[in-house]
Protein backbone atom coordinates (compact mmCIF):
# COMPACT_ATOMS: atom_id res chain seq x y z
CA MET A 1 0.00 0.00 0.00
CA ILE A 2 1.04 3.60 -0.63
CA GLU A 3 -0.16 6.07 1.99
CA THR A 4 0.50 9.77 2.36
CA PHE A 5 -0.35 12.02 5.28
CA GLU A 6 -0.58 15.79 4.74
CA LEU A 7 2.29 15.44 2.24
CA THR A 8 3.60 18.89 1.31
CA LYS A 9 6.38 20.29 -0.88
CA LYS A 10 7.31 23.98 -0.98
CA TYR A 11 9.99 25.94 -2.82
CA LYS A 12 10.25 29.20 -0.85
CA ASP A 13 6.92 30.90 -1.62
CA LEU A 14 5.81 28.31 -4.19
CA VAL A 15 3.63 25.45 -2.97
CA ALA A 16 4.12 22.51 -5.35
CA LEU A 17 2.05 20.05 -3.30
CA ASP A 18 -0.34 21.11 -0.57
CA ARG A 19 -1.17 18.72 2.31
CA VAL A 20 -2.12 15.66 0.29
CA SER A 21 -3.45 12.65 2.19
CA LEU A 22 -4.09 9.64 -0.03
CA SER A 23 -4.24 5.84 0.19
CA ILE A 24 -3.53 3.56 -2.80
CA GLU A 25 -4.42 -0.11 -2.42
CA GLU A 26 -2.34 -3.11 -3.44
CA GLY A 27 -2.91 -4.14 -7.06
CA GLU A 28 -4.74 -0.96 -8.03
CA LEU A 29 -4.38 0.83 -11.34
CA PHE A 30 -4.46 4.27 -9.81
CA GLY A 31 -4.39 7.50 -11.81
CA LEU A 32 -3.31 11.01 -10.87
CA LEU A 33 -5.29 13.33 -13.10
CA GLY A 34 -4.89 17.05 -13.60
CA PRO A 35 -3.45 19.80 -15.81
CA ASN A 36 0.26 20.53 -16.09
CA GLY A 37 1.56 22.08 -12.88
CA ALA A 38 -1.20 20.56 -10.74
CA GLY A 39 1.20 18.67 -8.46
CA LYS A 40 1.08 15.17 -10.01
CA THR A 41 4.78 14.84 -10.84
CA THR A 42 5.80 16.35 -7.50
CA PHE A 43 3.71 13.72 -5.74
CA VAL A 44 5.39 10.90 -7.69
CA HIS A 45 8.89 12.31 -7.12
CA LEU A 46 8.25 12.45 -3.39
CA ILE A 47 7.07 8.84 -3.35
CA CYS A 48 10.16 7.76 -5.33
CA GLY A 49 12.54 9.55 -3.00
CA LEU A 50 13.69 11.98 -5.68
CA LEU A 51 12.42 14.86 -3.54
CA LYS A 52 12.26 15.41 0.19
CA PRO A 53 8.92 16.58 1.61
CA THR A 54 8.73 19.94 3.34
CA SER A 55 6.24 18.47 5.78
CA GLY A 56 3.93 15.51 6.12
CA ALA A 57 4.76 11.84 5.69
CA ALA A 58 4.38 8.90 3.32
CA VAL A 59 4.79 5.13 3.48
CA VAL A 60 5.43 2.84 0.49
CA GLY A 61 5.11 -0.88 1.09
CA GLY A 62 5.57 -0.28 4.81
CA PHE A 63 8.70 1.85 4.36
CA ASP A 64 8.99 5.50 5.42
CA ILE A 65 10.06 7.79 2.55
CA ARG A 66 12.11 9.94 4.93
CA LYS A 67 14.08 7.14 6.59
CA GLU A 68 14.03 4.09 4.32
CA GLU A 69 14.70 5.40 0.80
CA GLU A 70 16.97 2.51 -0.17
CA SER A 71 14.38 -0.08 0.81
CA ILE A 72 11.76 1.76 -1.23
CA LYS A 73 13.98 1.90 -4.32
CA LYS A 74 14.18 -1.89 -4.32
CA ILE A 75 10.41 -2.35 -4.55
CA ILE A 76 9.48 0.42 -6.99
CA GLY A 77 9.98 0.88 -10.71
CA PHE A 78 9.89 4.42 -12.06
CA MET A 79 9.36 5.65 -15.61
CA PRO A 80 9.98 9.43 -15.73
CA GLN A 81 8.74 11.87 -18.34
CA GLU A 82 12.38 12.37 -19.35
CA LEU A 83 13.08 8.79 -20.33
CA GLY A 84 16.65 8.49 -19.04
CA LEU A 85 17.92 6.59 -22.09
CA TYR A 86 21.36 6.69 -23.67
CA ASP A 87 21.60 7.28 -27.43
CA ASP A 88 24.78 5.22 -27.87
CA LEU A 89 23.54 2.11 -26.08
CA THR A 90 21.40 -0.59 -27.68
CA VAL A 91 18.03 -1.75 -26.41
CA LYS A 92 19.60 -4.91 -25.00
CA GLU A 93 22.41 -2.95 -23.34
CA HIS A 94 19.88 -0.78 -21.53
CA LEU A 95 18.20 -3.82 -20.00
CA GLU A 96 21.63 -5.20 -19.09
CA LEU A 97 22.53 -1.91 -17.40
CA TYR A 98 19.31 -1.61 -15.40
CA GLY A 99 19.48 -5.29 -14.46
CA ARG A 100 22.97 -4.82 -13.04
CA VAL A 101 21.85 -1.76 -11.08
CA TYR A 102 19.37 -4.02 -9.29
CA ASN A 103 21.93 -6.84 -8.86
CA ILE A 104 19.91 -9.36 -10.86
CA PRO A 105 22.01 -12.52 -11.55
CA ASP A 106 23.30 -12.89 -15.12
CA ASN A 107 21.08 -15.81 -16.19
CA GLU A 108 17.96 -14.36 -14.63
CA ARG A 109 18.68 -10.92 -16.09
CA ALA A 110 18.96 -12.28 -19.64
CA LYS A 111 15.77 -14.32 -19.23
CA ARG A 112 13.77 -11.35 -17.96
CA ALA A 113 15.08 -9.13 -20.74
CA GLU A 114 13.98 -11.62 -23.42
CA GLU A 115 10.53 -11.96 -21.86
CA LEU A 116 10.01 -8.20 -21.63
CA LEU A 117 11.21 -7.60 -25.18
CA GLU A 118 8.73 -10.21 -26.39
CA ILE A 119 5.82 -8.72 -24.44
CA ILE A 120 6.49 -5.16 -25.59
CA GLN A 121 7.29 -6.24 -29.18
CA LEU A 122 10.85 -4.90 -29.30
CA LYS A 123 12.69 -8.18 -29.75
CA ASP A 124 13.58 -7.46 -33.38
CA ARG A 125 15.18 -4.16 -32.29
CA LYS A 126 17.21 -5.45 -29.34
CA ASP A 127 20.53 -4.69 -31.07
CA SER A 128 19.45 -1.24 -32.30
CA LEU A 129 20.99 1.91 -30.85
CA VAL A 130 18.48 4.08 -28.99
CA ARG A 131 19.12 7.02 -31.30
CA THR A 132 17.65 4.98 -34.17
CA LEU A 133 14.37 4.25 -32.37
CA SER A 134 11.09 6.07 -32.85
CA GLY A 135 9.54 8.01 -29.98
CA GLY A 136 7.09 5.20 -29.31
CA MET A 137 9.85 2.59 -29.20
CA LYS A 138 11.77 4.71 -26.71
CA LYS A 139 8.68 4.83 -24.51
CA LYS A 140 8.44 1.05 -24.67
CA LEU A 141 12.08 0.65 -23.73
CA SER A 142 11.84 3.04 -20.79
CA PHE A 143 8.78 1.12 -19.61
CA ILE A 144 10.49 -2.29 -19.56
CA CYS A 145 13.65 -0.83 -17.97
CA ALA A 146 11.39 0.10 -15.04
CA LEU A 147 10.12 -3.49 -14.94
CA ILE A 148 13.39 -5.45 -15.18
CA HIS A 149 13.62 -6.02 -11.40
CA GLN A 150 9.93 -7.01 -11.10
CA PRO A 151 8.90 -4.15 -8.80
CA LYS A 152 5.94 -4.38 -6.48
CA TYR A 153 5.01 -0.78 -7.26
CA LEU A 154 5.29 0.80 -10.70
CA LEU A 155 5.20 4.60 -10.96
CA LEU A 156 4.68 6.05 -14.43
CA ASP A 157 4.89 9.79 -15.07
CA GLU A 158 2.95 10.72 -18.25
CA PRO A 159 4.00 7.45 -19.97
CA THR A 160 1.75 7.88 -23.02
CA ILE A 161 2.32 11.54 -23.81
CA GLY A 162 3.32 12.14 -27.43
CA ILE A 163 2.57 8.65 -28.77
CA ASP A 164 -0.12 7.52 -31.19
CA VAL A 165 -3.52 6.18 -30.19
CA ASP A 166 -2.78 2.52 -31.02
CA LEU A 167 0.37 2.46 -28.92
CA ARG A 168 -1.42 4.22 -26.06
CA ARG A 169 -4.06 1.48 -26.13
CA ASP A 170 -1.40 -1.24 -26.11
CA MET A 171 0.44 0.39 -23.21
CA TRP A 172 -2.75 0.52 -21.13
CA LYS A 173 -3.33 -3.19 -21.80
CA ASN A 174 0.13 -3.81 -20.35
CA PHE A 175 -0.66 -1.69 -17.29
CA LYS A 176 -3.86 -3.62 -16.63
CA GLU A 177 -2.10 -6.96 -17.06
CA LEU A 178 0.52 -5.97 -14.50
CA CYS A 179 -2.23 -5.13 -12.00
CA LYS A 180 -3.83 -8.53 -12.56
CA ARG A 181 -0.49 -10.08 -11.58
CA GLY A 182 -0.40 -8.09 -8.34
CA THR A 183 1.64 -5.03 -9.25
CA THR A 184 0.36 -1.69 -8.00
CA VAL A 185 0.48 0.83 -10.87
CA LEU A 186 0.42 4.56 -10.20
CA ILE A 187 0.18 6.66 -13.35
CA THR A 188 0.00 10.40 -13.98
CA THR A 189 -1.92 11.68 -16.97
CA HIS A 190 -3.82 14.67 -18.27
CA TYR A 191 -5.60 12.59 -20.93
CA LEU A 192 -9.18 12.34 -19.71
CA ASP A 193 -10.06 9.56 -22.14
CA GLU A 194 -7.42 7.16 -20.82
CA ALA A 195 -8.09 8.12 -17.20
CA ASN A 196 -11.32 6.12 -17.55
CA TYR A 197 -9.22 2.93 -17.60
CA CYS A 198 -8.10 3.46 -13.99
CA ASP A 199 -9.66 1.67 -11.04
CA ARG A 200 -9.58 4.92 -9.10
CA LEU A 201 -8.44 8.48 -9.71
CA ALA A 202 -7.11 11.33 -7.65
CA LEU A 203 -7.93 14.73 -9.17
CA PHE A 204 -5.31 17.42 -8.63
CA ASN A 205 -5.48 21.13 -9.29
CA GLU A 206 -3.22 23.97 -8.15
CA ALA A 207 -1.16 21.63 -5.93
CA LYS A 208 -4.24 20.35 -4.09
CA LEU A 209 -6.04 17.03 -4.07
CA ILE A 210 -9.64 17.89 -4.90
CA ALA A 211 -11.36 14.50 -5.21
CA VAL A 212 -10.75 10.73 -5.12
CA GLY A 213 -12.88 7.96 -6.54
CA SER A 214 -13.56 5.66 -9.47
CA PRO A 215 -14.25 7.36 -12.82
CA GLU A 216 -17.97 6.69 -12.36
CA GLU A 217 -17.96 8.02 -8.82
CA LEU A 218 -16.28 11.22 -9.92
CA LYS A 219 -18.81 11.69 -12.72
CA ARG A 220 -21.62 11.43 -10.18
CA PHE A 221 -20.22 14.45 -8.33
CA ALA A 222 -21.46 16.57 -11.23
CA ILE A 223 -24.66 14.69 -12.03
CA LYS A 224 -26.97 17.25 -10.44
CA GLU A 225 -25.49 19.99 -12.58
CA MET A 226 -25.77 18.30 -15.99
CA PRO A 227 -27.20 15.23 -17.71
CA ASN A 228 -24.84 12.31 -18.48
CA PRO A 229 -21.63 14.03 -17.33
CA THR A 230 -18.27 12.93 -18.72
CA LEU A 231 -15.07 12.75 -16.72
CA GLU A 232 -14.10 16.07 -18.26
CA ASP A 233 -17.39 17.59 -17.07
CA ALA A 234 -16.73 16.27 -13.57
CA PHE A 235 -13.20 17.64 -13.49
CA ILE A 236 -14.30 21.10 -14.64
CA TYR A 237 -17.16 21.10 -12.13
CA LEU A 238 -14.96 20.02 -9.22
CA THR A 239 -12.22 22.47 -10.11
CA LYS A 240 -14.66 25.39 -10.17
CA LYS A 241 -16.26 24.21 -6.94
CA VAL A 242 -12.91 24.26 -5.14
CA LYS A 243 -12.15 27.79 -6.35
CA LYS A 244 -15.42 29.22 -5.04
């Protein structure tokens, strides 16, 4: 489980995340939804240990983000917006590198790499340099690099931004399959259409958490205001309600 308690991040006078308390269950496909600058990425970076909170607390898999960062790193996989790939390494070399970082034995590392390349349909490009890959292929590679050590929690920051509709659909199938196998997937997005695939959503705006629930539950927040509300309708309604 991932739990946060009044989690806050400030940069002098700028509040990047404002007292967020949230609980994410094991095996959930959980989405953080909101416009750019809403606080989604800050939340993920705090959970990953890339940032230190100004105040508040958080626990990931029973480990405290302030005191047990190394233990947390072993159980999470993280796919950042900036993919962290190296142009002069091949696809296979990336998986080798990330596997070594997590001290995966040689035989097991090679087996996992082959399995992941097959699943994500990159096997025929395993010897290709990253600089020769398309944007979508780079996304795929970054995704499986985050999976090489079989993390219990997978954190994905805008993983489908800038890729075509078919690939987005395929990626979401992979996310759902991981959840079926017991992985907890936390994903940030500002695509309202794909947010509907999540089990539950947390809506962020202006560094604040404004609502939590399933897509259908969030739509019902706005049902008195309009007939047959969409998730977009609900988000706009909730955002305006908070500002009043």
